[in-house]
Amino acid sequence: MSVRAVEEVSQQVPADDFHALEGKVYRTIELYKAAREARAAAERDAHRLREQIEQREEEIDSLKKEIISLRREREEVRGRVEKMLREIDSISEETAAAV
């Protein structure tokens, strides 16, 4: 092998190694960018989900209050209906006794 051929081979090997290393560095950079974008997307999703949970909790609290109010109203209506039925029974008994 000539001296010139040896010099060419020795120059190509480090260049090939450098290109391989350069490729790995660029792939690592791309992986890092993708991971950073994925993290940002995950943080956005987590924030959105926290807001949705907060809204649902507010809705649940509102619905609980409404249920309590409706139950009170139902009991009030039930009491009024029972009172009317007692009065009707009383009137019916008076009418039956009078006949």
Protein backbone atom coordinates (compact mmCIF):
# COMPACT_ATOMS: atom_id res chain seq x y z
CA MET A 1 0.00 0.00 0.00
CA SER A 2 1.33 3.39 -0.88
CA VAL A 3 1.78 6.14 1.64
CA ARG A 4 -0.84 8.15 -0.15
CA ALA A 5 -3.39 5.30 0.08
CA VAL A 6 -2.71 4.96 3.81
CA GLU A 7 -3.25 8.70 4.30
CA GLU A 8 -6.55 8.52 2.41
CA VAL A 9 -7.77 5.60 4.50
CA SER A 10 -6.77 7.29 7.76
CA GLN A 11 -8.57 10.46 6.70
CA GLN A 12 -11.73 8.56 5.69
CA VAL A 13 -12.08 6.57 8.89
CA PRO A 14 -12.24 9.60 11.20
CA ALA A 15 -14.56 11.35 8.75
CA ASP A 16 -16.84 8.30 8.72
CA ASP A 17 -16.72 8.18 12.51
CA PHE A 18 -17.51 11.88 12.66
CA HIS A 19 -20.45 11.48 10.28
CA ALA A 20 -21.79 8.61 12.34
CA LEU A 21 -21.38 10.66 15.51
CA GLU A 22 -22.97 13.66 13.82
CA GLY A 23 -25.94 11.51 12.79
CA LYS A 24 -26.34 10.25 16.33
CA VAL A 25 -26.20 13.79 17.72
CA TYR A 26 -28.88 14.96 15.27
CA ARG A 27 -31.08 11.96 16.11
CA THR A 28 -30.62 12.74 19.81
CA ILE A 29 -31.59 16.36 19.19
CA GLU A 30 -34.71 15.25 17.31
CA LEU A 31 -35.62 12.83 20.10
CA TYR A 32 -35.16 15.60 22.65
CA LYS A 33 -37.37 17.97 20.64
CA ALA A 34 -40.05 15.28 20.30
CA ALA A 35 -39.89 14.51 24.02
CA ARG A 36 -40.15 18.22 24.86
CA GLU A 37 -43.17 18.61 22.57
CA ALA A 38 -44.77 15.51 24.08
CA ARG A 39 -44.19 16.90 27.57
CA ALA A 40 -45.75 20.24 26.61
CA ALA A 41 -48.75 18.43 25.11
CA ALA A 42 -49.10 16.30 28.24
CA GLU A 43 -48.96 19.41 30.44
CA ARG A 44 -51.64 21.08 28.30
CA ASP A 45 -53.80 17.97 28.55
CA ALA A 46 -53.29 17.79 32.31
CA HIS A 47 -54.25 21.45 32.67
CA ARG A 48 -57.35 20.94 30.53
CA LEU A 49 -58.33 17.87 32.54
CA ARG A 50 -57.84 19.73 35.83
CA GLU A 51 -60.15 22.47 34.57
CA GLN A 52 -62.73 19.88 33.50
CA ILE A 53 -62.55 18.18 36.91
CA GLU A 54 -63.02 21.53 38.60
CA GLN A 55 -66.06 22.26 36.42
CA ARG A 56 -67.51 18.83 37.15
CA GLU A 57 -67.01 19.33 40.87
CA GLU A 58 -68.83 22.66 40.65
CA GLU A 59 -71.64 20.98 38.73
CA ILE A 60 -71.82 18.21 41.33
CA ASP A 61 -72.01 20.74 44.16
CA SER A 62 -74.75 22.62 42.32
CA LEU A 63 -76.69 19.41 41.67
CA LYS A 64 -76.37 18.36 45.31
CA LYS A 65 -77.82 21.70 46.40
CA GLU A 66 -80.62 21.33 43.86
CA ILE A 67 -81.40 17.82 45.11
CA ILE A 68 -81.57 19.07 48.68
CA SER A 69 -83.88 21.89 47.62
CA LEU A 70 -86.10 19.55 45.60
CA ARG A 71 -86.33 17.09 48.50
CA ARG A 72 -87.38 19.89 50.85
CA GLU A 73 -89.93 21.06 48.31
CA ARG A 74 -91.21 17.51 47.89
CA GLU A 75 -91.63 17.13 51.64
CA GLU A 76 -93.45 20.45 51.80
CA VAL A 77 -95.78 19.43 48.97
CA ARG A 78 -96.30 16.02 50.58
CA GLY A 79 -97.27 17.71 53.85
CA ARG A 80 -99.70 20.03 52.08
CA VAL A 81 -101.26 17.12 50.12
CA GLU A 82 -101.61 15.06 53.31
CA LYS A 83 -103.29 18.04 55.00
CA MET A 84 -105.74 18.38 52.08
CA LEU A 85 -106.46 14.64 52.17
CA ARG A 86 -107.18 14.83 55.91
CA GLU A 87 -109.56 17.71 55.30
CA ILE A 88 -111.25 15.76 52.50
CA ASP A 89 -111.55 12.72 54.80
CA SER A 90 -112.98 14.96 57.50
CA ILE A 91 -115.53 16.41 55.12
CA SER A 92 -116.39 12.92 53.83
CA GLU A 93 -116.90 11.66 57.38
CA GLU A 94 -119.11 14.67 58.22
CA THR A 95 -121.15 14.08 55.08
CA ALA A 96 -121.50 10.38 55.79
CA ALA A 97 -122.54 11.06 59.39
CA ALA A 98 -125.11 13.62 58.26
CA VAL A 99 -126.80 11.23 55.86
